[in-house]
């Protein structure tokens, strides 16, 4: 839901449909003065509800300066000049890859999984093996780039070898956790022979509990694997992909732009906080001005906080996730009912 031309919402009313962007253009006061001034009278965010049954691509999003450059140089691929920071908040247990693992974990996988070492090559394997936790960027970049640029024939050969070896271990009742075996088997069944399957040995595998979130800032590698979430982002469709996808892969751009910092799973879970003015509301406030998300857990006795919600400055999109209730809202001006063409 939003105004991006790739999937614009429409306003329903008076027997006709118009684009939400056109409605806002005719009713600019609905954005509030701060948003009007900061975002050129445009709605600055998109909201999606995703149900992921098959892994979505290994990807990252450019920062604003890089996005403007990519749009200028290749507008047929990067269709707008905006950045795309985004947040995923789990509605069910939600599984994803997010950020590079602690260096010691990556080094262990390269050492103990010969198929991975074969894919990245000896030089890159040595580079990541001799990296230190404080200076891991160069060696890690070399190894990850070697994986992403490895020939499809080598990827397919080594992935088939690893798939066969893990399948045999599973049949024997062996523990597969040291190989991330169950995850590799699942991803290879969805994207056979795709080099993105090896990314699980570089990126943190995270399972969010309902209510937990990931914030995906610029240049952070990630992928959504399974589960339901609410996703909010800046108004952009700029995605640089490199694996687990039939869509266009821009491997060189991705490998050059990534943040090669190593962090734990826990460091990649975005903290939320209770609204100090509302005991029923949890706030997810990322370090960008484009959006924030409020999670409201309503009850029969919480009428007051619903009123507080609608007194927030700036435009809001509201999604009712569960249960039915009557909501009485006092608006100072007409607010549109929108639906998405996505």
C-alpha atoms as a PDB file:
ATOM      1  CA  UNK A   1       0.000   0.000   0.000  1.00  0.00           C
ATOM      2  CA  UNK A   2       1.411   3.325  -1.086  1.00  0.00           C
ATOM      3  CA  UNK A   3       2.030   5.519  -4.097  1.00  0.00           C
ATOM      4  CA  UNK A   4       5.014   3.907  -5.852  1.00  0.00           C
ATOM      5  CA  UNK A   5       4.199   3.543  -9.581  1.00  0.00           C
ATOM      6  CA  UNK A   6       5.115  -0.172  -9.562  1.00  0.00           C
ATOM      7  CA  UNK A   7       2.074  -0.947  -7.393  1.00  0.00           C
ATOM      8  CA  UNK A   8       0.035   2.159  -6.602  1.00  0.00           C
ATOM      9  CA  UNK A   9      -2.932   2.095  -4.250  1.00  0.00           C
ATOM     10  CA  UNK A  10      -6.224   3.612  -5.301  1.00  0.00           C
ATOM     11  CA  UNK A  11      -8.822   5.640  -3.451  1.00  0.00           C
ATOM     12  CA  UNK A  12     -12.422   4.466  -3.597  1.00  0.00           C
ATOM     13  CA  UNK A  13     -15.143   7.066  -3.407  1.00  0.00           C
ATOM     14  CA  UNK A  14     -17.981   8.888  -5.181  1.00  0.00           C
ATOM     15  CA  UNK A  15     -18.410   6.112  -7.715  1.00  0.00           C
ATOM     16  CA  UNK A  16     -14.908   6.268  -9.169  1.00  0.00           C
ATOM     17  CA  UNK A  17     -11.346   5.223  -8.449  1.00  0.00           C
ATOM     18  CA  UNK A  18      -8.321   7.520  -8.467  1.00  0.00           C
ATOM     19  CA  UNK A  19      -4.710   6.891  -7.581  1.00  0.00           C
ATOM     20  CA  UNK A  20      -3.756   7.597  -3.985  1.00  0.00           C
ATOM     21  CA  UNK A  21      -0.950   9.827  -5.297  1.00  0.00           C
ATOM     22  CA  UNK A  22      -3.526  11.928  -7.162  1.00  0.00           C
ATOM     23  CA  UNK A  23      -5.742  12.131  -4.084  1.00  0.00           C
ATOM     24  CA  UNK A  24      -2.796  13.339  -1.988  1.00  0.00           C
ATOM     25  CA  UNK A  25      -1.891  15.873  -4.668  1.00  0.00           C
ATOM     26  CA  UNK A  26      -5.383  17.309  -4.333  1.00  0.00           C
ATOM     27  CA  UNK A  27      -5.398  17.121  -0.507  1.00  0.00           C
ATOM     28  CA  UNK A  28      -1.807  17.932   0.488  1.00  0.00           C
ATOM     29  CA  UNK A  29      -2.750  18.900   4.044  1.00  0.00           C
ATOM     30  CA  UNK A  30      -3.378  15.225   4.891  1.00  0.00           C
ATOM     31  CA  UNK A  31       0.380  14.631   5.011  1.00  0.00           C
ATOM     32  CA  UNK A  32       1.018  17.150   7.779  1.00  0.00           C
ATOM     33  CA  UNK A  33       3.396  20.090   7.525  1.00  0.00           C
ATOM     34  CA  UNK A  34       6.564  18.210   8.545  1.00  0.00           C
ATOM     35  CA  UNK A  35       6.087  15.461   5.942  1.00  0.00           C
ATOM     36  CA  UNK A  36       5.066  17.918   3.230  1.00  0.00           C
ATOM     37  CA  UNK A  37       8.246  19.901   3.751  1.00  0.00           C
ATOM     38  CA  UNK A  38      10.655  16.968   4.156  1.00  0.00           C
ATOM     39  CA  UNK A  39       9.315  14.779   1.341  1.00  0.00           C
ATOM     40  CA  UNK A  40       8.135  17.255  -1.280  1.00  0.00           C
ATOM     41  CA  UNK A  41       4.439  16.621  -0.555  1.00  0.00           C
ATOM     42  CA  UNK A  42       4.816  12.895  -1.276  1.00  0.00           C
ATOM     43  CA  UNK A  43       3.879   9.888   0.867  1.00  0.00           C
ATOM     44  CA  UNK A  44       7.346   8.747   2.017  1.00  0.00           C
ATOM     45  CA  UNK A  45       6.713   5.062   2.707  1.00  0.00           C
ATOM     46  CA  UNK A  46       5.252   1.783   1.463  1.00  0.00           C
ATOM     47  CA  UNK A  47       3.604  -0.911   3.579  1.00  0.00           C
ATOM     48  CA  UNK A  48       3.279  -4.578   2.682  1.00  0.00           C
ATOM     49  CA  UNK A  49       1.957  -7.703   4.350  1.00  0.00           C
ATOM     50  CA  UNK A  50       4.023 -10.655   3.154  1.00  0.00           C
ATOM     51  CA  UNK A  51       3.381 -14.373   3.385  1.00  0.00           C
ATOM     52  CA  UNK A  52       6.643 -16.051   2.366  1.00  0.00           C
ATOM     53  CA  UNK A  53       6.271 -19.685   1.332  1.00  0.00           C
ATOM     54  CA  UNK A  54       9.372 -19.807  -0.876  1.00  0.00           C
ATOM     55  CA  UNK A  55      12.664 -18.017  -0.222  1.00  0.00           C
ATOM     56  CA  UNK A  56      13.002 -14.521  -1.643  1.00  0.00           C
ATOM     57  CA  UNK A  57      16.261 -13.381  -3.196  1.00  0.00           C
ATOM     58  CA  UNK A  58      19.631 -12.689  -1.609  1.00  0.00           C
ATOM     59  CA  UNK A  59      19.656  -8.908  -1.898  1.00  0.00           C
ATOM     60  CA  UNK A  60      20.593  -5.511  -0.510  1.00  0.00           C
ATOM     61  CA  UNK A  61      19.383  -1.949  -0.999  1.00  0.00           C
ATOM     62  CA  UNK A  62      21.576   1.030  -1.978  1.00  0.00           C
ATOM     63  CA  UNK A  63      21.908   4.187   0.095  1.00  0.00           C
ATOM     64  CA  UNK A  64      20.457   7.417  -1.278  1.00  0.00           C
ATOM     65  CA  UNK A  65      23.568   8.602  -3.111  1.00  0.00           C
ATOM     66  CA  UNK A  66      24.157   5.188  -4.687  1.00  0.00           C
ATOM     67  CA  UNK A  67      20.461   4.828  -5.582  1.00  0.00           C
ATOM     68  CA  UNK A  68      20.540   8.147  -7.434  1.00  0.00           C
ATOM     69  CA  UNK A  69      23.658   7.008  -9.323  1.00  0.00           C
ATOM     70  CA  UNK A  70      22.152   3.629 -10.272  1.00  0.00           C
ATOM     71  CA  UNK A  71      18.918   5.286 -11.419  1.00  0.00           C
ATOM     72  CA  UNK A  72      20.851   7.767 -13.524  1.00  0.00           C
ATOM     73  CA  UNK A  73      23.100   5.120 -15.098  1.00  0.00           C
ATOM     74  CA  UNK A  74      20.569   2.269 -15.501  1.00  0.00           C
ATOM     75  CA  UNK A  75      17.015   3.619 -15.184  1.00  0.00           C
ATOM     76  CA  UNK A  76      15.590   0.554 -16.938  1.00  0.00           C
ATOM     77  CA  UNK A  77      16.691  -1.565 -13.927  1.00  0.00           C
ATOM     78  CA  UNK A  78      16.757   0.898 -11.022  1.00  0.00           C
ATOM     79  CA  UNK A  79      13.560   2.792 -11.636  1.00  0.00           C
ATOM     80  CA  UNK A  80      13.708   5.473  -8.938  1.00  0.00           C
ATOM     81  CA  UNK A  81      16.493   7.490  -7.244  1.00  0.00           C
ATOM     82  CA  UNK A  82      15.445   6.794  -3.653  1.00  0.00           C
ATOM     83  CA  UNK A  83      16.956   4.599  -0.958  1.00  0.00           C
ATOM     84  CA  UNK A  84      14.962   1.654   0.400  1.00  0.00           C
ATOM     85  CA  UNK A  85      15.593   1.027   4.086  1.00  0.00           C
ATOM     86  CA  UNK A  86      12.985  -1.457   5.273  1.00  0.00           C
ATOM     87  CA  UNK A  87      11.721  -3.190   8.392  1.00  0.00           C
ATOM     88  CA  UNK A  88      10.132  -6.623   8.704  1.00  0.00           C
ATOM     89  CA  UNK A  89       8.029  -7.278  11.816  1.00  0.00           C
ATOM     90  CA  UNK A  90       7.077 -10.921  12.360  1.00  0.00           C
ATOM     91  CA  UNK A  91       3.398 -11.883  12.552  1.00  0.00           C
ATOM     92  CA  UNK A  92       4.271 -15.583  12.795  1.00  0.00           C
ATOM     93  CA  UNK A  93       7.670 -17.188  13.383  1.00  0.00           C
ATOM     94  CA  UNK A  94       9.566 -15.509  10.548  1.00  0.00           C
ATOM     95  CA  UNK A  95      12.737 -16.898   9.044  1.00  0.00           C
ATOM     96  CA  UNK A  96      15.395 -14.938   7.208  1.00  0.00           C
ATOM     97  CA  UNK A  97      19.041 -14.348   6.485  1.00  0.00           C
ATOM     98  CA  UNK A  98      20.417 -11.058   7.762  1.00  0.00           C
ATOM     99  CA  UNK A  99      23.926  -9.614   7.831  1.00  0.00           C
ATOM    100  CA  UNK A 100      27.239 -11.438   7.871  1.00  0.00           C
ATOM    101  CA  UNK A 101      27.813 -14.030  10.584  1.00  0.00           C
ATOM    102  CA  UNK A 102      30.507 -13.626  13.234  1.00  0.00           C
ATOM    103  CA  UNK A 103      33.827 -14.216  11.493  1.00  0.00           C
ATOM    104  CA  UNK A 104      34.650 -17.322  13.528  1.00  0.00           C
ATOM    105  CA  UNK A 105      31.486 -19.046  12.259  1.00  0.00           C
ATOM    106  CA  UNK A 106      32.332 -18.278   8.627  1.00  0.00           C
ATOM    107  CA  UNK A 107      35.903 -19.482   9.094  1.00  0.00           C
ATOM    108  CA  UNK A 108      34.642 -22.717  10.637  1.00  0.00           C
ATOM    109  CA  UNK A 109      32.318 -23.412   7.695  1.00  0.00           C
ATOM    110  CA  UNK A 110      35.090 -22.747   5.159  1.00  0.00           C
ATOM    111  CA  UNK A 111      37.377 -25.110   7.090  1.00  0.00           C
ATOM    112  CA  UNK A 112      34.911 -27.964   7.598  1.00  0.00           C
ATOM    113  CA  UNK A 113      32.838 -27.895   4.378  1.00  0.00           C
ATOM    114  CA  UNK A 114      35.158 -28.788   1.479  1.00  0.00           C
ATOM    115  CA  UNK A 115      32.489 -28.019  -1.123  1.00  0.00           C
ATOM    116  CA  UNK A 116      32.285 -24.403   0.122  1.00  0.00           C
ATOM    117  CA  UNK A 117      36.080 -24.082   0.073  1.00  0.00           C
ATOM    118  CA  UNK A 118      36.127 -25.455  -3.477  1.00  0.00           C
ATOM    119  CA  UNK A 119      33.578 -22.906  -4.643  1.00  0.00           C
ATOM    120  CA  UNK A 120      35.417 -19.857  -3.282  1.00  0.00           C
ATOM    121  CA  UNK A 121      38.885 -21.190  -4.173  1.00  0.00           C
ATOM    122  CA  UNK A 122      42.071 -21.538  -2.151  1.00  0.00           C
ATOM    123  CA  UNK A 123      43.134 -17.899  -2.338  1.00  0.00           C
ATOM    124  CA  UNK A 124      39.817 -16.619  -0.968  1.00  0.00           C
ATOM    125  CA  UNK A 125      39.664 -19.423   1.600  1.00  0.00           C
ATOM    126  CA  UNK A 126      43.111 -18.406   2.866  1.00  0.00           C
ATOM    127  CA  UNK A 127      42.095 -14.729   2.907  1.00  0.00           C
ATOM    128  CA  UNK A 128      39.074 -15.289   5.123  1.00  0.00           C
ATOM    129  CA  UNK A 129      40.923 -17.835   7.287  1.00  0.00           C
ATOM    130  CA  UNK A 130      43.673 -15.343   8.128  1.00  0.00           C
ATOM    131  CA  UNK A 131      41.313 -12.436   8.796  1.00  0.00           C
ATOM    132  CA  UNK A 132      40.916 -11.167  12.342  1.00  0.00           C
ATOM    133  CA  UNK A 133      37.604 -10.188  13.881  1.00  0.00           C
ATOM    134  CA  UNK A 134      38.529  -6.520  13.896  1.00  0.00           C
ATOM    135  CA  UNK A 135      39.799  -6.526  10.297  1.00  0.00           C
ATOM    136  CA  UNK A 136      37.541  -9.000   8.533  1.00  0.00           C
ATOM    137  CA  UNK A 137      36.200  -6.835   5.711  1.00  0.00           C
ATOM    138  CA  UNK A 138      38.847  -7.433   3.031  1.00  0.00           C
ATOM    139  CA  UNK A 139      39.099 -11.195   3.450  1.00  0.00           C
ATOM    140  CA  UNK A 140      35.361 -11.611   3.821  1.00  0.00           C
ATOM    141  CA  UNK A 141      34.666  -9.457   0.765  1.00  0.00           C
ATOM    142  CA  UNK A 142      37.130 -11.531  -1.242  1.00  0.00           C
ATOM    143  CA  UNK A 143      35.528 -14.812  -0.173  1.00  0.00           C
ATOM    144  CA  UNK A 144      31.922 -13.698  -0.668  1.00  0.00           C
ATOM    145  CA  UNK A 145      32.728 -12.164  -4.052  1.00  0.00           C
ATOM    146  CA  UNK A 146      34.432 -15.417  -5.080  1.00  0.00           C
ATOM    147  CA  UNK A 147      31.239 -17.297  -4.191  1.00  0.00           C
ATOM    148  CA  UNK A 148      28.952 -14.906  -6.039  1.00  0.00           C
ATOM    149  CA  UNK A 149      31.144 -14.868  -9.182  1.00  0.00           C
ATOM    150  CA  UNK A 150      31.938 -18.588  -9.255  1.00  0.00           C
ATOM    151  CA  UNK A 151      30.993 -20.303 -12.510  1.00  0.00           C
ATOM    152  CA  UNK A 152      27.546 -21.954 -12.549  1.00  0.00           C
ATOM    153  CA  UNK A 153      29.139 -25.273 -13.508  1.00  0.00           C
ATOM    154  CA  UNK A 154      31.370 -25.303 -10.417  1.00  0.00           C
ATOM    155  CA  UNK A 155      28.508 -24.166  -8.191  1.00  0.00           C
ATOM    156  CA  UNK A 156      26.238 -26.912  -9.497  1.00  0.00           C
ATOM    157  CA  UNK A 157      28.930 -29.608  -9.126  1.00  0.00           C
ATOM    158  CA  UNK A 158      29.863 -28.695  -5.558  1.00  0.00           C
ATOM    159  CA  UNK A 159      26.268 -28.092  -4.463  1.00  0.00           C
ATOM    160  CA  UNK A 160      25.262 -31.512  -5.760  1.00  0.00           C
ATOM    161  CA  UNK A 161      28.159 -33.079  -3.855  1.00  0.00           C
ATOM    162  CA  UNK A 162      27.149 -31.317  -0.639  1.00  0.00           C
ATOM    163  CA  UNK A 163      23.476 -32.117  -1.179  1.00  0.00           C
ATOM    164  CA  UNK A 164      24.293 -35.815  -1.622  1.00  0.00           C
ATOM    165  CA  UNK A 165      26.543 -35.870   1.435  1.00  0.00           C
ATOM    166  CA  UNK A 166      23.980 -34.169   3.683  1.00  0.00           C
ATOM    167  CA  UNK A 167      21.171 -36.393   2.378  1.00  0.00           C
ATOM    168  CA  UNK A 168      23.221 -39.492   3.275  1.00  0.00           C
ATOM    169  CA  UNK A 169      23.914 -38.111   6.756  1.00  0.00           C
ATOM    170  CA  UNK A 170      20.211 -37.423   7.231  1.00  0.00           C
ATOM    171  CA  UNK A 171      19.365 -40.987   6.199  1.00  0.00           C
ATOM    172  CA  UNK A 172      21.857 -42.253   8.765  1.00  0.00           C
ATOM    173  CA  UNK A 173      20.267 -40.158  11.486  1.00  0.00           C
ATOM    174  CA  UNK A 174      23.311 -37.889  11.876  1.00  0.00           C
ATOM    175  CA  UNK A 175      23.066 -34.373  13.285  1.00  0.00           C
ATOM    176  CA  UNK A 176      22.939 -31.876  10.411  1.00  0.00           C
ATOM    177  CA  UNK A 177      23.229 -28.692  12.467  1.00  0.00           C
ATOM    178  CA  UNK A 178      26.962 -28.202  11.861  1.00  0.00           C
ATOM    179  CA  UNK A 179      26.202 -28.035   8.121  1.00  0.00           C
ATOM    180  CA  UNK A 180      22.950 -26.001   8.398  1.00  0.00           C
ATOM    181  CA  UNK A 181      21.805 -29.156   6.629  1.00  0.00           C
ATOM    182  CA  UNK A 182      18.038 -28.871   6.811  1.00  0.00           C
ATOM    183  CA  UNK A 183      18.155 -25.292   5.520  1.00  0.00           C
ATOM    184  CA  UNK A 184      20.476 -26.187   2.657  1.00  0.00           C
ATOM    185  CA  UNK A 185      18.277 -29.127   1.614  1.00  0.00           C
ATOM    186  CA  UNK A 186      15.215 -26.873   1.610  1.00  0.00           C
ATOM    187  CA  UNK A 187      16.813 -24.034  -0.353  1.00  0.00           C
ATOM    188  CA  UNK A 188      18.330 -26.404  -2.905  1.00  0.00           C
ATOM    189  CA  UNK A 189      14.912 -27.978  -3.437  1.00  0.00           C
ATOM    190  CA  UNK A 190      13.500 -24.500  -4.156  1.00  0.00           C
ATOM    191  CA  UNK A 191      16.436 -23.238  -6.260  1.00  0.00           C
ATOM    192  CA  UNK A 192      18.416 -26.268  -7.490  1.00  0.00           C
ATOM    193  CA  UNK A 193      22.015 -25.460  -8.289  1.00  0.00           C
ATOM    194  CA  UNK A 194      21.721 -21.798  -7.246  1.00  0.00           C
ATOM    195  CA  UNK A 195      24.873 -20.339  -5.685  1.00  0.00           C
ATOM    196  CA  UNK A 196      22.700 -18.468  -3.222  1.00  0.00           C
ATOM    197  CA  UNK A 197      22.302 -21.758  -1.319  1.00  0.00           C
ATOM    198  CA  UNK A 198      25.921 -21.390  -0.158  1.00  0.00           C
ATOM    199  CA  UNK A 199      25.135 -17.945   1.297  1.00  0.00           C
ATOM    200  CA  UNK A 200      23.756 -19.607   4.425  1.00  0.00           C
ATOM    201  CA  UNK A 201      27.394 -20.169   5.471  1.00  0.00           C
ATOM    202  CA  UNK A 202      28.092 -16.427   5.291  1.00  0.00           C
ATOM    203  CA  UNK A 203      24.852 -14.841   6.534  1.00  0.00           C
ATOM    204  CA  UNK A 204      23.087 -15.130   9.886  1.00  0.00           C
ATOM    205  CA  UNK A 205      20.103 -17.487   9.862  1.00  0.00           C
ATOM    206  CA  UNK A 206      17.499 -15.799  12.070  1.00  0.00           C
ATOM    207  CA  UNK A 207      14.029 -16.914  13.181  1.00  0.00           C
ATOM    208  CA  UNK A 208      12.052 -13.984  14.575  1.00  0.00           C
ATOM    209  CA  UNK A 209       9.337 -14.557  17.147  1.00  0.00           C
ATOM    210  CA  UNK A 210       6.015 -12.768  16.538  1.00  0.00           C
ATOM    211  CA  UNK A 211       6.568  -9.113  17.370  1.00  0.00           C
ATOM    212  CA  UNK A 212      10.338  -9.211  16.757  1.00  0.00           C
ATOM    213  CA  UNK A 213      11.796  -7.233  13.868  1.00  0.00           C
ATOM    214  CA  UNK A 214      14.719  -6.885  11.497  1.00  0.00           C
ATOM    215  CA  UNK A 215      15.761  -3.465  10.195  1.00  0.00           C
ATOM    216  CA  UNK A 216      17.467  -3.704   6.825  1.00  0.00           C
ATOM    217  CA  UNK A 217      19.494  -0.568   6.331  1.00  0.00           C
ATOM    218  CA  UNK A 218      21.548   0.267   3.240  1.00  0.00           C
ATOM    219  CA  UNK A 219      24.020  -2.334   1.951  1.00  0.00           C
ATOM    220  CA  UNK A 220      22.969  -5.017   4.457  1.00  0.00           C
ATOM    221  CA  UNK A 221      22.701  -8.445   2.768  1.00  0.00           C
ATOM    222  CA  UNK A 222      19.482 -10.299   3.562  1.00  0.00           C
ATOM    223  CA  UNK A 223      16.803 -12.674   2.335  1.00  0.00           C
ATOM    224  CA  UNK A 224      13.345 -13.623   3.576  1.00  0.00           C
ATOM    225  CA  UNK A 225      12.931 -17.395   3.785  1.00  0.00           C
ATOM    226  CA  UNK A 226       9.551 -18.263   5.351  1.00  0.00           C
ATOM    227  CA  UNK A 227       6.708 -16.884   7.447  1.00  0.00           C
ATOM    228  CA  UNK A 228       4.352 -13.910   7.622  1.00  0.00           C
ATOM    229  CA  UNK A 229       5.380 -10.328   8.342  1.00  0.00           C
ATOM    230  CA  UNK A 230       4.411  -6.698   8.095  1.00  0.00           C
ATOM    231  CA  UNK A 231       7.024  -4.860   6.055  1.00  0.00           C
ATOM    232  CA  UNK A 232       7.437  -1.095   5.948  1.00  0.00           C
ATOM    233  CA  UNK A 233       9.981   0.732   3.809  1.00  0.00           C
ATOM    234  CA  UNK A 234      10.876   3.981   2.116  1.00  0.00           C
ATOM    235  CA  UNK A 235       9.028   4.636  -1.133  1.00  0.00           C
ATOM    236  CA  UNK A 236      11.373   2.823  -3.500  1.00  0.00           C
ATOM    237  CA  UNK A 237      11.756  -0.387  -5.462  1.00  0.00           C
ATOM    238  CA  UNK A 238      15.557  -0.399  -5.637  1.00  0.00           C
ATOM    239  CA  UNK A 239      16.769  -3.966  -5.034  1.00  0.00           C
ATOM    240  CA  UNK A 240      20.196  -5.359  -5.961  1.00  0.00           C
ATOM    241  CA  UNK A 241      19.918  -9.165  -6.218  1.00  0.00           C
ATOM    242  CA  UNK A 242      22.521 -11.903  -6.473  1.00  0.00           C
ATOM    243  CA  UNK A 243      21.016 -15.296  -5.620  1.00  0.00           C
ATOM    244  CA  UNK A 244      17.942 -17.467  -4.926  1.00  0.00           C
ATOM    245  CA  UNK A 245      16.011 -15.774  -7.699  1.00  0.00           C
ATOM    246  CA  UNK A 246      15.098 -16.109 -11.376  1.00  0.00           C
ATOM    247  CA  UNK A 247      15.136 -12.281 -11.587  1.00  0.00           C
ATOM    248  CA  UNK A 248      18.024 -10.161 -12.824  1.00  0.00           C
ATOM    249  CA  UNK A 249      21.196 -10.597 -10.749  1.00  0.00           C
ATOM    250  CA  UNK A 250      23.582  -7.661 -10.472  1.00  0.00           C
ATOM    251  CA  UNK A 251      26.413  -9.511  -8.736  1.00  0.00           C
ATOM    252  CA  UNK A 252      29.188  -6.966  -9.303  1.00  0.00           C
ATOM    253  CA  UNK A 253      27.131  -4.104  -7.880  1.00  0.00           C
ATOM    254  CA  UNK A 254      26.028  -6.154  -4.885  1.00  0.00           C
ATOM    255  CA  UNK A 255      29.482  -7.419  -3.930  1.00  0.00           C
ATOM    256  CA  UNK A 256      30.982  -3.946  -4.202  1.00  0.00           C
ATOM    257  CA  UNK A 257      28.301  -2.171  -2.138  1.00  0.00           C
ATOM    258  CA  UNK A 258      27.807  -4.592   0.781  1.00  0.00           C
ATOM    259  CA  UNK A 259      28.509  -3.845   4.408  1.00  0.00           C
ATOM    260  CA  UNK A 260      30.983  -6.591   5.342  1.00  0.00           C
ATOM    261  CA  UNK A 261      30.701  -6.048   9.094  1.00  0.00           C
ATOM    262  CA  UNK A 262      30.283  -9.258  11.102  1.00  0.00           C
ATOM    263  CA  UNK A 263      27.537  -9.338  13.741  1.00  0.00           C
ATOM    264  CA  UNK A 264      25.658 -11.958  15.721  1.00  0.00           C
ATOM    265  CA  UNK A 265      22.045 -12.986  15.230  1.00  0.00           C
ATOM    266  CA  UNK A 266      21.046 -11.020  18.307  1.00  0.00           C
ATOM    267  CA  UNK A 267      22.675  -7.839  17.003  1.00  0.00           C
ATOM    268  CA  UNK A 268      20.547  -8.088  13.857  1.00  0.00           C
ATOM    269  CA  UNK A 269      17.233  -8.129  15.757  1.00  0.00           C
ATOM    270  CA  UNK A 270      15.932  -4.562  15.877  1.00  0.00           C
ATOM    271  CA  UNK A 271      14.904  -3.344  19.347  1.00  0.00           C
ATOM    272  CA  UNK A 272      11.466  -1.877  19.930  1.00  0.00           C
ATOM    273  CA  UNK A 273      10.160   0.153  22.876  1.00  0.00           C
ATOM    274  CA  UNK A 274       6.872   0.915  24.568  1.00  0.00           C
ATOM    275  CA  UNK A 275       5.306   4.240  23.669  1.00  0.00           C
ATOM    276  CA  UNK A 276       5.758   6.410  26.800  1.00  0.00           C
ATOM    277  CA  UNK A 277       2.316   7.923  26.231  1.00  0.00           C
ATOM    278  CA  UNK A 278       0.471   4.671  25.568  1.00  0.00           C
ATOM    279  CA  UNK A 279       0.843   1.379  27.456  1.00  0.00           C
ATOM    280  CA  UNK A 280      -0.875  -0.543  24.630  1.00  0.00           C
ATOM    281  CA  UNK A 281       1.535   0.528  21.875  1.00  0.00           C
ATOM    282  CA  UNK A 282       5.002  -0.715  20.927  1.00  0.00           C
ATOM    283  CA  UNK A 283       7.130   1.502  18.683  1.00  0.00           C
ATOM    284  CA  UNK A 284       9.609   0.351  16.028  1.00  0.00           C
ATOM    285  CA  UNK A 285      11.542   3.525  15.223  1.00  0.00           C
ATOM    286  CA  UNK A 286      14.343   2.959  12.686  1.00  0.00           C
ATOM    287  CA  UNK A 287      17.190   5.456  12.167  1.00  0.00           C
ATOM    288  CA  UNK A 288      15.586   6.949   9.034  1.00  0.00           C
ATOM    289  CA  UNK A 289      12.980   9.729   8.726  1.00  0.00           C
ATOM    290  CA  UNK A 290      10.820   7.961   6.123  1.00  0.00           C
ATOM    291  CA  UNK A 291       8.719   5.775   8.438  1.00  0.00           C
ATOM    292  CA  UNK A 292       8.121   4.215  11.835  1.00  0.00           C
ATOM    293  CA  UNK A 293       5.760   1.411  12.853  1.00  0.00           C
ATOM    294  CA  UNK A 294       3.433   1.202  15.849  1.00  0.00           C
ATOM    295  CA  UNK A 295       2.109  -2.154  17.050  1.00  0.00           C
ATOM    296  CA  UNK A 296      -1.152  -1.695  18.965  1.00  0.00           C
ATOM    297  CA  UNK A 297      -2.516  -4.542  21.053  1.00  0.00           C
ATOM    298  CA  UNK A 298      -6.086  -3.460  21.595  1.00  0.00           C
ATOM    299  CA  UNK A 299      -8.515  -4.580  24.263  1.00  0.00           C
ATOM    300  CA  UNK A 300     -12.081  -3.737  25.247  1.00  0.00           C
ATOM    301  CA  UNK A 301     -10.840  -1.265  27.839  1.00  0.00           C
ATOM    302  CA  UNK A 302      -8.323   0.540  25.658  1.00  0.00           C
ATOM    303  CA  UNK A 303     -10.450   3.101  23.834  1.00  0.00           C
ATOM    304  CA  UNK A 304      -8.205   5.958  24.938  1.00  0.00           C
ATOM    305  CA  UNK A 305      -5.110   4.666  23.201  1.00  0.00           C
ATOM    306  CA  UNK A 306      -6.938   4.260  19.894  1.00  0.00           C
ATOM    307  CA  UNK A 307      -7.637   7.987  20.049  1.00  0.00           C
ATOM    308  CA  UNK A 308      -3.968   8.667  20.787  1.00  0.00           C
ATOM    309  CA  UNK A 309      -2.973   6.631  17.745  1.00  0.00           C
ATOM    310  CA  UNK A 310      -4.994   8.769  15.400  1.00  0.00           C
ATOM    311  CA  UNK A 311      -3.554  11.928  16.893  1.00  0.00           C
ATOM    312  CA  UNK A 312      -0.076  11.016  15.658  1.00  0.00           C
ATOM    313  CA  UNK A 313       1.453  13.535  13.284  1.00  0.00           C
ATOM    314  CA  UNK A 314       1.858  12.528   9.682  1.00  0.00           C
ATOM    315  CA  UNK A 315       0.060  10.015   7.450  1.00  0.00           C
ATOM    316  CA  UNK A 316      -0.677   6.495   8.727  1.00  0.00           C
ATOM    317  CA  UNK A 317      -1.653   3.165   7.190  1.00  0.00           C
ATOM    318  CA  UNK A 318      -3.515   0.894   9.600  1.00  0.00           C
ATOM    319  CA  UNK A 319      -3.735  -2.891   9.287  1.00  0.00           C
ATOM    320  CA  UNK A 320      -5.995  -4.937  11.575  1.00  0.00           C
ATOM    321  CA  UNK A 321      -4.192  -8.241  12.043  1.00  0.00           C
ATOM    322  CA  UNK A 322      -6.574 -10.271  14.188  1.00  0.00           C
ATOM    323  CA  UNK A 323      -9.997 -10.193  15.850  1.00  0.00           C
ATOM    324  CA  UNK A 324     -12.923  -7.931  15.068  1.00  0.00           C
ATOM    325  CA  UNK A 325     -13.827  -4.788  16.947  1.00  0.00           C
ATOM    326  CA  UNK A 326     -15.560  -1.471  16.474  1.00  0.00           C
ATOM    327  CA  UNK A 327     -13.252   1.501  16.136  1.00  0.00           C
ATOM    328  CA  UNK A 328     -14.530   5.039  16.468  1.00  0.00           C
ATOM    329  CA  UNK A 329     -12.088   7.613  15.132  1.00  0.00           C
ATOM    330  CA  UNK A 330     -12.459  11.389  15.111  1.00  0.00           C
ATOM    331  CA  UNK A 331     -10.898  12.849  11.978  1.00  0.00           C
ATOM    332  CA  UNK A 332     -10.558  16.554  11.350  1.00  0.00           C
ATOM    333  CA  UNK A 333     -10.821  15.946   7.611  1.00  0.00           C
ATOM    334  CA  UNK A 334     -11.754  13.162   5.246  1.00  0.00           C
ATOM    335  CA  UNK A 335      -9.382  10.208   5.186  1.00  0.00           C
ATOM    336  CA  UNK A 336      -9.399   7.890   2.133  1.00  0.00           C
ATOM    337  CA  UNK A 337     -10.080   4.181   2.103  1.00  0.00           C
ATOM    338  CA  UNK A 338      -7.332   2.606  -0.009  1.00  0.00           C
ATOM    339  CA  UNK A 339      -6.794  -0.739  -1.641  1.00  0.00           C
ATOM    340  CA  UNK A 340      -3.710  -2.024  -3.426  1.00  0.00           C
ATOM    341  CA  UNK A 341      -3.341  -3.225  -6.993  1.00  0.00           C
ATOM    342  CA  UNK A 342      -0.301  -5.335  -5.999  1.00  0.00           C
END
